[in-house]
Amino acid sequence: MIDTGLADLWKKRLAEYKASGKSITAWCKEQGLTEGQYHYWRRKLGSEPTIIDQPVKWVAVDLNVPAEKERPADPIAVHIGQFTVEVKPGFDESLLRNIFKVLKTV
Protein backbone atom coordinates (compact mmCIF):
# COMPACT_ATOMS: atom_id res chain seq x y z
CA MET A 1 0.00 0.00 0.00
CA ILE A 2 1.29 3.47 -0.90
CA ASP A 3 1.74 6.03 1.86
CA THR A 4 -0.64 8.79 0.68
CA GLY A 5 1.51 11.53 2.18
CA LEU A 6 4.57 10.28 0.30
CA ALA A 7 2.55 9.78 -2.88
CA ASP A 8 1.23 13.35 -2.64
CA LEU A 9 4.77 14.64 -2.11
CA TRP A 10 5.95 12.82 -5.23
CA LYS A 11 2.99 13.97 -7.32
CA LYS A 12 4.02 17.51 -6.41
CA ARG A 13 7.68 16.77 -7.20
CA LEU A 14 6.82 15.23 -10.58
CA ALA A 15 4.72 18.27 -11.46
CA GLU A 16 7.60 20.56 -10.43
CA TYR A 17 9.99 18.58 -12.61
CA LYS A 18 7.67 18.83 -15.60
CA ALA A 19 7.31 22.60 -15.15
CA SER A 20 11.08 23.09 -14.69
CA GLY A 21 12.01 22.32 -18.30
CA LYS A 22 15.24 20.75 -17.03
CA SER A 23 16.64 17.32 -17.75
CA ILE A 24 15.88 14.57 -15.25
CA THR A 25 19.55 14.43 -14.27
CA ALA A 26 19.85 18.17 -13.64
CA TRP A 27 16.54 18.43 -11.80
CA CYS A 28 17.24 15.43 -9.54
CA LYS A 29 20.72 16.73 -8.70
CA GLU A 30 19.27 20.15 -7.85
CA GLN A 31 16.62 18.53 -5.62
CA GLY A 32 19.07 16.16 -3.91
CA LEU A 33 17.27 13.12 -5.33
CA THR A 34 18.47 10.15 -7.35
CA GLU A 35 17.22 9.38 -10.83
CA GLY A 36 16.22 5.97 -9.51
CA GLN A 37 13.83 7.60 -7.05
CA TYR A 38 12.39 9.75 -9.81
CA HIS A 39 11.78 6.80 -12.15
CA TYR A 40 10.38 4.63 -9.35
CA TRP A 41 7.75 7.22 -8.39
CA ARG A 42 6.94 8.13 -11.97
CA ARG A 43 6.15 4.45 -12.65
CA LYS A 44 4.40 3.98 -9.29
CA LEU A 45 2.12 6.97 -9.81
CA GLY A 46 1.51 6.22 -13.48
CA SER A 47 2.91 9.47 -14.84
CA GLU A 48 3.46 9.72 -18.56
CA PRO A 49 6.89 8.63 -19.85
CA THR A 50 9.60 11.21 -19.26
CA ILE A 51 10.97 10.99 -22.79
CA ILE A 52 8.02 13.13 -23.89
CA ASP A 53 9.06 15.78 -21.37
CA GLN A 54 12.61 16.04 -22.69
CA PRO A 55 13.45 18.90 -25.05
CA VAL A 56 14.53 17.89 -28.55
CA LYS A 57 18.17 18.64 -29.31
CA TRP A 58 19.20 18.94 -32.94
CA VAL A 59 22.76 18.63 -34.20
CA ALA A 60 23.93 19.63 -37.67
CA VAL A 61 25.91 16.91 -39.46
CA ASP A 62 27.82 17.56 -42.67
CA LEU A 63 27.67 14.33 -44.66
CA ASN A 64 29.75 15.71 -47.53
CA VAL A 65 33.06 15.59 -45.65
CA PRO A 66 35.16 12.60 -46.75
CA ALA A 67 36.28 10.47 -43.80
CA GLU A 68 39.98 10.73 -44.67
CA LYS A 69 39.84 14.53 -44.47
CA GLU A 70 38.34 14.51 -40.99
CA ARG A 71 41.51 13.21 -39.37
CA PRO A 72 44.57 12.35 -41.38
CA ALA A 73 46.20 9.05 -40.44
CA ASP A 74 49.39 9.32 -38.41
CA PRO A 75 52.67 8.41 -40.10
CA ILE A 76 54.56 5.29 -38.99
CA ALA A 77 58.22 5.56 -37.99
CA VAL A 78 60.42 2.64 -39.08
CA HIS A 79 63.83 2.40 -37.35
CA ILE A 80 66.67 0.67 -39.17
CA GLY A 81 69.92 0.94 -37.24
CA GLN A 82 70.65 4.61 -36.75
CA PHE A 83 68.15 5.64 -39.42
CA THR A 84 64.46 6.40 -39.09
CA VAL A 85 62.10 6.38 -42.06
CA GLU A 86 58.71 8.02 -41.67
CA VAL A 87 56.03 6.27 -43.75
CA LYS A 88 52.86 8.22 -44.42
CA PRO A 89 49.56 6.93 -45.83
CA GLY A 90 49.69 6.63 -49.61
CA PHE A 91 53.45 5.94 -49.71
CA ASP A 92 55.14 4.43 -52.78
CA GLU A 93 55.90 0.77 -51.90
CA SER A 94 58.65 0.30 -54.47
CA LEU A 95 60.42 3.45 -53.29
CA LEU A 96 60.24 2.23 -49.68
CA ARG A 97 61.73 -1.17 -50.73
CA ASN A 98 64.60 0.60 -52.47
CA ILE A 99 65.23 2.77 -49.40
CA PHE A 100 65.38 -0.36 -47.21
CA LYS A 101 67.84 -2.01 -49.64
CA VAL A 102 70.11 1.03 -49.48
CA LEU A 103 69.90 1.26 -45.69
CA LYS A 104 70.83 -2.42 -45.31
CA THR A 105 74.12 -1.76 -47.12
CA VAL A 106 75.04 1.22 -44.92
PDB file of N, CA and C in Angstrom:
ATOM      1  N   MET A   1       0.850  -1.189   0.000  1.00  0.00           N
ATOM      2  CA  MET A   1       0.000   0.000   0.000  1.00  0.00           C
ATOM      3  C   MET A   1       0.890   1.245   0.000  1.00  0.00           C
ATOM      4  N   ILE A   2       0.512   2.236  -0.774  1.00  0.00           N
ATOM      5  CA  ILE A   2       1.285   3.467  -0.902  1.00  0.00           C
ATOM      6  C   ILE A   2       0.911   4.424   0.222  1.00  0.00           C
ATOM      7  N   ASP A   3       1.933   4.979   0.849  1.00  0.00           N
ATOM      8  CA  ASP A   3       1.740   6.035   1.859  1.00  0.00           C
ATOM      9  C   ASP A   3       1.206   7.257   1.118  1.00  0.00           C
ATOM     10  N   THR A   4      -0.019   7.686   1.427  1.00  0.00           N
ATOM     11  CA  THR A   4      -0.643   8.788   0.683  1.00  0.00           C
ATOM     12  C   THR A   4       0.118  10.091   0.832  1.00  0.00           C
ATOM     13  N   GLY A   5       0.712  10.309   1.996  1.00  0.00           N
ATOM     14  CA  GLY A   5       1.506  11.532   2.175  1.00  0.00           C
ATOM     15  C   GLY A   5       2.715  11.547   1.269  1.00  0.00           C
ATOM     16  N   LEU A   6       3.400  10.396   1.162  1.00  0.00           N
ATOM     17  CA  LEU A   6       4.574  10.275   0.297  1.00  0.00           C
ATOM     18  C   LEU A   6       4.169  10.352  -1.173  1.00  0.00           C
ATOM     19  N   ALA A   7       3.043   9.722  -1.498  1.00  0.00           N
ATOM     20  CA  ALA A   7       2.547   9.777  -2.879  1.00  0.00           C
ATOM     21  C   ALA A   7       2.198  11.213  -3.268  1.00  0.00           C
ATOM     22  N   ASP A   8       1.563  11.944  -2.364  1.00  0.00           N
ATOM     23  CA  ASP A   8       1.227  13.350  -2.644  1.00  0.00           C
ATOM     24  C   ASP A   8       2.486  14.182  -2.830  1.00  0.00           C
ATOM     25  N   LEU A   9       3.501  13.922  -1.993  1.00  0.00           N
ATOM     26  CA  LEU A   9       4.774  14.636  -2.113  1.00  0.00           C
ATOM     27  C   LEU A   9       5.383  14.398  -3.488  1.00  0.00           C
ATOM     28  N   TRP A  10       5.356  13.130  -3.943  1.00  0.00           N
ATOM     29  CA  TRP A  10       5.955  12.816  -5.234  1.00  0.00           C
ATOM     30  C   TRP A  10       5.114  13.304  -6.409  1.00  0.00           C
ATOM     31  N   LYS A  11       3.824  13.369  -6.259  1.00  0.00           N
ATOM     32  CA  LYS A  11       2.990  13.970  -7.315  1.00  0.00           C
ATOM     33  C   LYS A  11       3.387  15.428  -7.500  1.00  0.00           C
ATOM     34  N   LYS A  12       3.597  16.105  -6.369  1.00  0.00           N
ATOM     35  CA  LYS A  12       4.016  17.510  -6.408  1.00  0.00           C
ATOM     36  C   LYS A  12       5.404  17.622  -7.050  1.00  0.00           C
ATOM     37  N   ARG A  13       6.316  16.742  -6.634  1.00  0.00           N
ATOM     38  CA  ARG A  13       7.676  16.771  -7.203  1.00  0.00           C
ATOM     39  C   ARG A  13       7.664  16.523  -8.707  1.00  0.00           C
ATOM     40  N   LEU A  14       6.881  15.538  -9.153  1.00  0.00           N
ATOM     41  CA  LEU A  14       6.820  15.232 -10.585  1.00  0.00           C
ATOM     42  C   LEU A  14       6.251  16.413 -11.371  1.00  0.00           C
ATOM     43  N   ALA A  15       5.284  17.082 -10.795  1.00  0.00           N
ATOM     44  CA  ALA A  15       4.721  18.273 -11.461  1.00  0.00           C
ATOM     45  C   ALA A  15       5.766  19.385 -11.520  1.00  0.00           C
ATOM     46  N   GLU A  16       6.537  19.549 -10.444  1.00  0.00           N
ATOM     47  CA  GLU A  16       7.596  20.560 -10.427  1.00  0.00           C
ATOM     48  C   GLU A  16       8.661  20.254 -11.472  1.00  0.00           C
ATOM     49  N   TYR A  17       9.009  18.964 -11.589  1.00  0.00           N
ATOM     50  CA  TYR A  17       9.991  18.579 -12.613  1.00  0.00           C
ATOM     51  C   TYR A  17       9.482  18.952 -13.995  1.00  0.00           C
ATOM     52  N   LYS A  18       8.246  18.577 -14.270  1.00  0.00           N
ATOM     53  CA  LYS A  18       7.671  18.826 -15.596  1.00  0.00           C
ATOM     54  C   LYS A  18       7.672  20.323 -15.920  1.00  0.00           C
ATOM     55  N   ALA A  19       7.360  21.152 -14.937  1.00  0.00           N
ATOM     56  CA  ALA A  19       7.315  22.604 -15.149  1.00  0.00           C
ATOM     57  C   ALA A  19       8.707  23.220 -15.240  1.00  0.00           C
ATOM     58  N   SER A  20       9.726  22.516 -14.730  1.00  0.00           N
ATOM     59  CA  SER A  20      11.075  23.090 -14.689  1.00  0.00           C
ATOM     60  C   SER A  20      11.724  23.211 -16.061  1.00  0.00           C
ATOM     61  N   GLY A  21      11.386  22.307 -16.978  1.00  0.00           N
ATOM     62  CA  GLY A  21      12.011  22.317 -18.296  1.00  0.00           C
ATOM     63  C   GLY A  21      13.441  21.787 -18.279  1.00  0.00           C
ATOM     64  N   LYS A  22      13.877  21.261 -17.158  1.00  0.00           N
ATOM     65  CA  LYS A  22      15.241  20.746 -17.026  1.00  0.00           C
ATOM     66  C   LYS A  22      15.272  19.259 -17.350  1.00  0.00           C
ATOM     67  N   SER A  23      16.488  18.754 -17.549  1.00  0.00           N
ATOM     68  CA  SER A  23      16.643  17.318 -17.747  1.00  0.00           C
ATOM     69  C   SER A  23      16.404  16.617 -16.412  1.00  0.00           C
ATOM     70  N   ILE A  24      16.096  15.340 -16.478  1.00  0.00           N
ATOM     71  CA  ILE A  24      15.875  14.570 -15.251  1.00  0.00           C
ATOM     72  C   ILE A  24      17.126  14.624 -14.381  1.00  0.00           C
ATOM     73  N   THR A  25      18.290  14.433 -15.013  1.00  0.00           N
ATOM     74  CA  THR A  25      19.555  14.431 -14.271  1.00  0.00           C
ATOM     75  C   THR A  25      19.769  15.742 -13.544  1.00  0.00           C
ATOM     76  N   ALA A  26      19.617  16.853 -14.245  1.00  0.00           N
ATOM     77  CA  ALA A  26      19.849  18.173 -13.639  1.00  0.00           C
ATOM     78  C   ALA A  26      18.831  18.456 -12.536  1.00  0.00           C
ATOM     79  N   TRP A  27      17.578  18.151 -12.789  1.00  0.00           N
ATOM     80  CA  TRP A  27      16.537  18.427 -11.796  1.00  0.00           C
ATOM     81  C   TRP A  27      16.755  17.593 -10.533  1.00  0.00           C
ATOM     82  N   CYS A  28      17.031  16.300 -10.701  1.00  0.00           N
ATOM     83  CA  CYS A  28      17.241  15.429  -9.536  1.00  0.00           C
ATOM     84  C   CYS A  28      18.446  15.888  -8.721  1.00  0.00           C
ATOM     85  N   LYS A  29      19.517  16.268  -9.411  1.00  0.00           N
ATOM     86  CA  LYS A  29      20.718  16.731  -8.703  1.00  0.00           C
ATOM     87  C   LYS A  29      20.392  17.988  -7.897  1.00  0.00           C
ATOM     88  N   GLU A  30      19.653  18.899  -8.517  1.00  0.00           N
ATOM     89  CA  GLU A  30      19.265  20.152  -7.855  1.00  0.00           C
ATOM     90  C   GLU A  30      18.388  19.886  -6.625  1.00  0.00           C
ATOM     91  N   GLN A  31      17.557  18.851  -6.706  1.00  0.00           N
ATOM     92  CA  GLN A  31      16.624  18.531  -5.623  1.00  0.00           C
ATOM     93  C   GLN A  31      17.240  17.601  -4.571  1.00  0.00           C
ATOM     94  N   GLY A  32      18.440  17.099  -4.843  1.00  0.00           N
ATOM     95  CA  GLY A  32      19.072  16.163  -3.914  1.00  0.00           C
ATOM     96  C   GLY A  32      18.433  14.783  -3.964  1.00  0.00           C
ATOM     97  N   LEU A  33      17.934  14.412  -5.140  1.00  0.00           N
ATOM     98  CA  LEU A  33      17.272  13.117  -5.332  1.00  0.00           C
ATOM     99  C   LEU A  33      18.067  12.293  -6.326  1.00  0.00           C
ATOM    100  N   THR A  34      17.827  10.990  -6.339  1.00  0.00           N
ATOM    101  CA  THR A  34      18.469  10.148  -7.348  1.00  0.00           C
ATOM    102  C   THR A  34      17.508   9.951  -8.515  1.00  0.00           C
ATOM    103  N   GLU A  35      18.070   9.657  -9.670  1.00  0.00           N
ATOM    104  CA  GLU A  35      17.223   9.385 -10.835  1.00  0.00           C
ATOM    105  C   GLU A  35      16.402   8.123 -10.603  1.00  0.00           C
ATOM    106  N   GLY A  36      16.953   7.189  -9.840  1.00  0.00           N
ATOM    107  CA  GLY A  36      16.219   5.968  -9.514  1.00  0.00           C
ATOM    108  C   GLY A  36      14.938   6.271  -8.758  1.00  0.00           C
ATOM    109  N   GLN A  37      15.029   7.201  -7.798  1.00  0.00           N
ATOM    110  CA  GLN A  37      13.830   7.595  -7.048  1.00  0.00           C
ATOM    111  C   GLN A  37      12.809   8.214  -7.993  1.00  0.00           C
ATOM    112  N   TYR A  38      13.280   9.087  -8.855  1.00  0.00           N
ATOM    113  CA  TYR A  38      12.388   9.750  -9.807  1.00  0.00           C
ATOM    114  C   TYR A  38      11.638   8.714 -10.651  1.00  0.00           C
ATOM    115  N   HIS A  39      12.401   7.788 -11.261  1.00  0.00           N
ATOM    116  CA  HIS A  39      11.779   6.803 -12.150  1.00  0.00           C
ATOM    117  C   HIS A  39      10.849   5.859 -11.382  1.00  0.00           C
ATOM    118  N   TYR A  40      11.234   5.497 -10.175  1.00  0.00           N
ATOM    119  CA  TYR A  40      10.378   4.634  -9.351  1.00  0.00           C
ATOM    120  C   TYR A  40       9.016   5.289  -9.134  1.00  0.00           C
ATOM    121  N   TRP A  41       9.024   6.545  -8.690  1.00  0.00           N
ATOM    122  CA  TRP A  41       7.753   7.219  -8.385  1.00  0.00           C
ATOM    123  C   TRP A  41       6.965   7.565  -9.637  1.00  0.00           C
ATOM    124  N   ARG A  42       7.656   7.853 -10.714  1.00  0.00           N
ATOM    125  CA  ARG A  42       6.943   8.126 -11.968  1.00  0.00           C
ATOM    126  C   ARG A  42       6.176   6.876 -12.391  1.00  0.00           C
ATOM    127  N   ARG A  43       6.837   5.708 -12.302  1.00  0.00           N
ATOM    128  CA  ARG A  43       6.145   4.451 -12.647  1.00  0.00           C
ATOM    129  C   ARG A  43       5.046   4.130 -11.637  1.00  0.00           C
ATOM    130  N   LYS A  44       5.342   4.299 -10.362  1.00  0.00           N
ATOM    131  CA  LYS A  44       4.404   3.977  -9.289  1.00  0.00           C
ATOM    132  C   LYS A  44       3.121   4.800  -9.394  1.00  0.00           C
ATOM    133  N   LEU A  45       3.276   6.072  -9.743  1.00  0.00           N
ATOM    134  CA  LEU A  45       2.119   6.968  -9.809  1.00  0.00           C
ATOM    135  C   LEU A  45       1.497   7.019 -11.196  1.00  0.00           C
ATOM    136  N   GLY A  46       2.091   6.296 -12.144  1.00  0.00           N
ATOM    137  CA  GLY A  46       1.506   6.218 -13.480  1.00  0.00           C
ATOM    138  C   GLY A  46       1.641   7.482 -14.296  1.00  0.00           C
ATOM    139  N   SER A  47       2.689   8.260 -14.042  1.00  0.00           N
ATOM    140  CA  SER A  47       2.906   9.467 -14.840  1.00  0.00           C
ATOM    141  C   SER A  47       3.275   9.071 -16.262  1.00  0.00           C
ATOM    142  N   GLU A  48       3.107   9.994 -17.179  1.00  0.00           N
ATOM    143  CA  GLU A  48       3.464   9.724 -18.565  1.00  0.00           C
ATOM    144  C   GLU A  48       4.979   9.565 -18.684  1.00  0.00           C
ATOM    145  N   PRO A  49       5.460   8.849 -19.687  1.00  0.00           N
ATOM    146  CA  PRO A  49       6.892   8.632 -19.854  1.00  0.00           C
ATOM    147  C   PRO A  49       7.652   9.953 -19.926  1.00  0.00           C
ATOM    148  N   THR A  50       8.822   9.973 -19.322  1.00  0.00           N
ATOM    149  CA  THR A  50       9.598  11.208 -19.263  1.00  0.00           C
ATOM    150  C   THR A  50      10.218  11.598 -20.591  1.00  0.00           C
ATOM    151  N   ILE A  51      10.348  10.660 -21.507  1.00  0.00           N
ATOM    152  CA  ILE A  51      10.966  10.992 -22.787  1.00  0.00           C
ATOM    153  C   ILE A  51      10.163  12.073 -23.511  1.00  0.00           C
ATOM    154  N   ILE A  52       8.868  12.116 -23.284  1.00  0.00           N
ATOM    155  CA  ILE A  52       8.017  13.131 -23.891  1.00  0.00           C
ATOM    156  C   ILE A  52       8.347  14.509 -23.308  1.00  0.00           C
ATOM    157  N   ASP A  53       8.762  14.524 -22.046  1.00  0.00           N
ATOM    158  CA  ASP A  53       9.056  15.780 -21.372  1.00  0.00           C
ATOM    159  C   ASP A  53      10.414  16.373 -21.753  1.00  0.00           C
ATOM    160  N   GLN A  54      11.266  15.575 -22.381  1.00  0.00           N
ATOM    161  CA  GLN A  54      12.611  16.039 -22.687  1.00  0.00           C
ATOM    162  C   GLN A  54      12.613  16.937 -23.924  1.00  0.00           C
ATOM    163  N   PRO A  55      13.367  18.044 -23.869  1.00  0.00           N
ATOM    164  CA  PRO A  55      13.447  18.901 -25.049  1.00  0.00           C
ATOM    165  C   PRO A  55      14.222  18.192 -26.168  1.00  0.00           C
ATOM    166  N   VAL A  56      13.846  18.470 -27.390  1.00  0.00           N
ATOM    167  CA  VAL A  56      14.528  17.893 -28.548  1.00  0.00           C
ATOM    168  C   VAL A  56      15.804  18.691 -28.802  1.00  0.00           C
ATOM    169  N   LYS A  57      16.896  17.988 -29.011  1.00  0.00           N
ATOM    170  CA  LYS A  57      18.168  18.637 -29.308  1.00  0.00           C
ATOM    171  C   LYS A  57      18.599  18.222 -30.705  1.00  0.00           C
ATOM    172  N   TRP A  58      18.802  19.202 -31.568  1.00  0.00           N
ATOM    173  CA  TRP A  58      19.203  18.940 -32.944  1.00  0.00           C
ATOM    174  C   TRP A  58      20.675  19.237 -33.113  1.00  0.00           C
ATOM    175  N   VAL A  59      21.336  18.444 -33.926  1.00  0.00           N
ATOM    176  CA  VAL A  59      22.759  18.632 -34.205  1.00  0.00           C
ATOM    177  C   VAL A  59      22.939  18.602 -35.714  1.00  0.00           C
ATOM    178  N   ALA A  60      23.657  19.591 -36.239  1.00  0.00           N
ATOM    179  CA  ALA A  60      23.932  19.627 -37.670  1.00  0.00           C
ATOM    180  C   ALA A  60      25.070  18.661 -37.987  1.00  0.00           C
ATOM    181  N   VAL A  61      24.894  17.873 -39.048  1.00  0.00           N
ATOM    182  CA  VAL A  61      25.909  16.914 -39.465  1.00  0.00           C
ATOM    183  C   VAL A  61      26.174  17.136 -40.942  1.00  0.00           C
ATOM    184  N   ASP A  62      27.440  17.373 -41.278  1.00  0.00           N
ATOM    185  CA  ASP A  62      27.822  17.559 -42.673  1.00  0.00           C
ATOM    186  C   ASP A  62      28.230  16.209 -43.237  1.00  0.00           C
ATOM    187  N   LEU A  63      27.399  15.643 -44.100  1.00  0.00           N
ATOM    188  CA  LEU A  63      27.667  14.325 -44.659  1.00  0.00           C
ATOM    189  C   LEU A  63      28.555  14.376 -45.898  1.00  0.00           C
ATOM    190  N   ASN A  64      28.934  15.571 -46.328  1.00  0.00           N
ATOM    191  CA  ASN A  64      29.747  15.714 -47.533  1.00  0.00           C
ATOM    192  C   ASN A  64      31.242  15.730 -47.251  1.00  0.00           C
ATOM    193  N   VAL A  65      31.641  15.575 -45.995  1.00  0.00           N
ATOM    194  CA  VAL A  65      33.059  15.588 -45.649  1.00  0.00           C
ATOM    195  C   VAL A  65      33.603  14.168 -45.759  1.00  0.00           C
ATOM    196  N   PRO A  66      34.587  13.943 -46.642  1.00  0.00           N
ATOM    197  CA  PRO A  66      35.164  12.604 -46.753  1.00  0.00           C
ATOM    198  C   PRO A  66      35.842  12.212 -45.437  1.00  0.00           C
ATOM    199  N   ALA A  67      35.743  10.958 -45.083  1.00  0.00           N
ATOM    200  CA  ALA A  67      36.281  10.468 -43.802  1.00  0.00           C
ATOM    201  C   ALA A  67      37.777  10.721 -43.685  1.00  0.00           C
ATOM    202  N   GLU A  68      38.532  10.550 -44.763  1.00  0.00           N
ATOM    203  CA  GLU A  68      39.981  10.730 -44.675  1.00  0.00           C
ATOM    204  C   GLU A  68      40.379  12.187 -44.425  1.00  0.00           C
ATOM    205  N   LYS A  69      39.521  13.129 -44.720  1.00  0.00           N
ATOM    206  CA  LYS A  69      39.842  14.527 -44.471  1.00  0.00           C
ATOM    207  C   LYS A  69      39.516  14.948 -43.044  1.00  0.00           C
ATOM    208  N   GLU A  70      38.697  14.162 -42.359  1.00  0.00           N
ATOM    209  CA  GLU A  70      38.340  14.512 -40.992  1.00  0.00           C
ATOM    210  C   GLU A  70      39.548  14.431 -40.072  1.00  0.00           C
ATOM    211  N   ARG A  71      40.312  13.371 -40.190  1.00  0.00           N
ATOM    212  CA  ARG A  71      41.509  13.206 -39.366  1.00  0.00           C
ATOM    213  C   ARG A  71      42.515  12.421 -40.175  1.00  0.00           C
ATOM    214  N   PRO A  72      43.578  13.073 -40.593  1.00  0.00           N
ATOM    215  CA  PRO A  72      44.573  12.353 -41.377  1.00  0.00           C
ATOM    216  C   PRO A  72      45.242  11.274 -40.515  1.00  0.00           C
ATOM    217  N   ALA A  73      45.549  10.141 -41.152  1.00  0.00           N
ATOM    218  CA  ALA A  73      46.203   9.046 -40.440  1.00  0.00           C
ATOM    219  C   ALA A  73      47.619   9.468 -40.048  1.00  0.00           C
ATOM    220  N   ASP A  74      48.050   9.010 -38.897  1.00  0.00           N
ATOM    221  CA  ASP A  74      49.391   9.323 -38.413  1.00  0.00           C
ATOM    222  C   ASP A  74      50.428   8.539 -39.198  1.00  0.00           C
ATOM    223  N   PRO A  75      51.599   9.144 -39.418  1.00  0.00           N
ATOM    224  CA  PRO A  75      52.674   8.412 -40.097  1.00  0.00           C
ATOM    225  C   PRO A  75      53.246   7.343 -39.166  1.00  0.00           C
ATOM    226  N   ILE A  76      53.909   6.356 -39.744  1.00  0.00           N
ATOM    227  CA  ILE A  76      54.564   5.288 -38.990  1.00  0.00           C
ATOM    228  C   ILE A  76      56.063   5.496 -39.110  1.00  0.00           C
ATOM    229  N   ALA A  77      56.768   5.431 -37.982  1.00  0.00           N
ATOM    230  CA  ALA A  77      58.218   5.565 -37.985  1.00  0.00           C
ATOM    231  C   ALA A  77      58.833   4.171 -37.991  1.00  0.00           C
ATOM    232  N   VAL A  78      59.715   3.915 -38.975  1.00  0.00           N
ATOM    233  CA  VAL A  78      60.417   2.636 -39.080  1.00  0.00           C
ATOM    234  C   VAL A  78      61.883   2.908 -38.782  1.00  0.00           C
ATOM    235  N   HIS A  79      62.440   2.209 -37.762  1.00  0.00           N
ATOM    236  CA  HIS A  79      63.832   2.404 -37.354  1.00  0.00           C
ATOM    237  C   HIS A  79      64.687   1.273 -37.908  1.00  0.00           C
ATOM    238  N   ILE A  80      65.712   1.635 -38.636  1.00  0.00           N
ATOM    239  CA  ILE A  80      66.668   0.666 -39.173  1.00  0.00           C
ATOM    240  C   ILE A  80      68.051   1.158 -38.772  1.00  0.00           C
ATOM    241  N   GLY A  81      68.633   0.503 -37.752  1.00  0.00           N
ATOM    242  CA  GLY A  81      69.924   0.940 -37.236  1.00  0.00           C
ATOM    243  C   GLY A  81      69.805   2.343 -36.696  1.00  0.00           C
ATOM    244  N   GLN A  82      70.672   3.221 -37.202  1.00  0.00           N
ATOM    245  CA  GLN A  82      70.652   4.612 -36.748  1.00  0.00           C
ATOM    246  C   GLN A  82      69.701   5.488 -37.554  1.00  0.00           C
ATOM    247  N   PHE A  83      69.027   4.873 -38.533  1.00  0.00           N
ATOM    248  CA  PHE A  83      68.149   5.636 -39.416  1.00  0.00           C
ATOM    249  C   PHE A  83      66.674   5.437 -39.042  1.00  0.00           C
ATOM    250  N   THR A  84      65.904   6.473 -39.288  1.00  0.00           N
ATOM    251  CA  THR A  84      64.463   6.402 -39.088  1.00  0.00           C
ATOM    252  C   THR A  84      63.791   6.867 -40.377  1.00  0.00           C
ATOM    253  N   VAL A  85      62.861   6.051 -40.855  1.00  0.00           N
ATOM    254  CA  VAL A  85      62.103   6.384 -42.059  1.00  0.00           C
ATOM    255  C   VAL A  85      60.654   6.582 -41.630  1.00  0.00           C
ATOM    256  N   GLU A  86      60.100   7.729 -41.992  1.00  0.00           N
ATOM    257  CA  GLU A  86      58.706   8.021 -41.671  1.00  0.00           C
ATOM    258  C   GLU A  86      57.858   7.657 -42.882  1.00  0.00           C
ATOM    259  N   VAL A  87      56.894   6.748 -42.668  1.00  0.00           N
ATOM    260  CA  VAL A  87      56.035   6.274 -43.751  1.00  0.00           C
ATOM    261  C   VAL A  87      54.640   6.837 -43.531  1.00  0.00           C
ATOM    262  N   LYS A  88      54.177   7.596 -44.516  1.00  0.00           N
ATOM    263  CA  LYS A  88      52.856   8.217 -44.422  1.00  0.00           C
ATOM    264  C   LYS A  88      51.858   7.455 -45.290  1.00  0.00           C
ATOM    265  N   PRO A  89      50.579   7.595 -45.005  1.00  0.00           N
ATOM    266  CA  PRO A  89      49.562   6.932 -45.833  1.00  0.00           C
ATOM    267  C   PRO A  89      49.719   7.346 -47.294  1.00  0.00           C
ATOM    268  N   GLY A  90      49.570   6.373 -48.183  1.00  0.00           N
ATOM    269  CA  GLY A  90      49.688   6.632 -49.610  1.00  0.00           C
ATOM    270  C   GLY A  90      51.124   6.577 -50.109  1.00  0.00           C
ATOM    271  N   PHE A  91      52.038   6.001 -49.325  1.00  0.00           N
ATOM    272  CA  PHE A  91      53.446   5.938 -49.710  1.00  0.00           C
ATOM    273  C   PHE A  91      53.642   5.038 -50.931  1.00  0.00           C
ATOM    274  N   ASP A  92      54.771   5.217 -51.606  1.00  0.00           N
ATOM    275  CA  ASP A  92      55.145   4.427 -52.778  1.00  0.00           C
ATOM    276  C   ASP A  92      55.903   3.194 -52.278  1.00  0.00           C
ATOM    277  N   GLU A  93      55.306   2.000 -52.430  1.00  0.00           N
ATOM    278  CA  GLU A  93      55.901   0.769 -51.903  1.00  0.00           C
ATOM    279  C   GLU A  93      57.252   0.454 -52.523  1.00  0.00           C
ATOM    280  N   SER A  94      57.375   0.631 -53.818  1.00  0.00           N
ATOM    281  CA  SER A  94      58.647   0.298 -54.466  1.00  0.00           C
ATOM    282  C   SER A  94      59.749   1.254 -54.004  1.00  0.00           C
ATOM    283  N   LEU A  95      59.435   2.499 -53.791  1.00  0.00           N
ATOM    284  CA  LEU A  95      60.422   3.453 -53.289  1.00  0.00           C
ATOM    285  C   LEU A  95      60.859   3.049 -51.884  1.00  0.00           C
ATOM    286  N   LEU A  96      59.914   2.643 -51.039  1.00  0.00           N
ATOM    287  CA  LEU A  96      60.243   2.226 -49.681  1.00  0.00           C
ATOM    288  C   LEU A  96      61.147   0.992 -49.698  1.00  0.00           C
ATOM    289  N   ARG A  97      60.864   0.013 -50.604  1.00  0.00           N
ATOM    290  CA  ARG A  97      61.727  -1.172 -50.730  1.00  0.00           C
ATOM    291  C   ARG A  97      63.144  -0.763 -51.103  1.00  0.00           C
ATOM    292  N   ASN A  98      63.269   0.147 -52.047  1.00  0.00           N
ATOM    293  CA  ASN A  98      64.596   0.604 -52.473  1.00  0.00           C
ATOM    294  C   ASN A  98      65.333   1.307 -51.333  1.00  0.00           C
ATOM    295  N   ILE A  99      64.605   2.083 -50.540  1.00  0.00           N
ATOM    296  CA  ILE A  99      65.229   2.765 -49.400  1.00  0.00           C
ATOM    297  C   ILE A  99      65.739   1.739 -48.402  1.00  0.00           C
ATOM    298  N   PHE A 100      64.948   0.688 -48.137  1.00  0.00           N
ATOM    299  CA  PHE A 100      65.378  -0.363 -47.210  1.00  0.00           C
ATOM    300  C   PHE A 100      66.622  -1.079 -47.731  1.00  0.00           C
ATOM    301  N   LYS A 101      66.682  -1.348 -49.047  1.00  0.00           N
ATOM    302  CA  LYS A 101      67.844  -2.014 -49.640  1.00  0.00           C
ATOM    303  C   LYS A 101      69.100  -1.166 -49.421  1.00  0.00           C
ATOM    304  N   VAL A 102      68.966   0.123 -49.646  1.00  0.00           N
ATOM    305  CA  VAL A 102      70.113   1.030 -49.483  1.00  0.00           C
ATOM    306  C   VAL A 102      70.535   1.080 -48.027  1.00  0.00           C
ATOM    307  N   LEU A 103      69.587   1.160 -47.123  1.00  0.00           N
ATOM    308  CA  LEU A 103      69.901   1.264 -45.691  1.00  0.00           C
ATOM    309  C   LEU A 103      70.548  -0.013 -45.165  1.00  0.00           C
ATOM    310  N   LYS A 104      70.218  -1.172 -45.739  1.00  0.00           N
ATOM    311  CA  LYS A 104      70.834  -2.424 -45.309  1.00  0.00           C
ATOM    312  C   LYS A 104      72.333  -2.453 -45.638  1.00  0.00           C
ATOM    313  N   THR A 105      72.698  -1.745 -46.693  1.00  0.00           N
ATOM    314  CA  THR A 105      74.117  -1.756 -47.121  1.00  0.00           C
ATOM    315  C   THR A 105      74.945  -0.749 -46.346  1.00  0.00           C
ATOM    316  N   VAL A 106      74.317   0.166 -45.647  1.00  0.00           N
ATOM    317  CA  VAL A 106      75.044   1.224 -44.922  1.00  0.00           C
ATOM    318  C   VAL A 106      75.552   0.716 -43.596  1.00  0.00           C
TER     319      VAL A 106
END
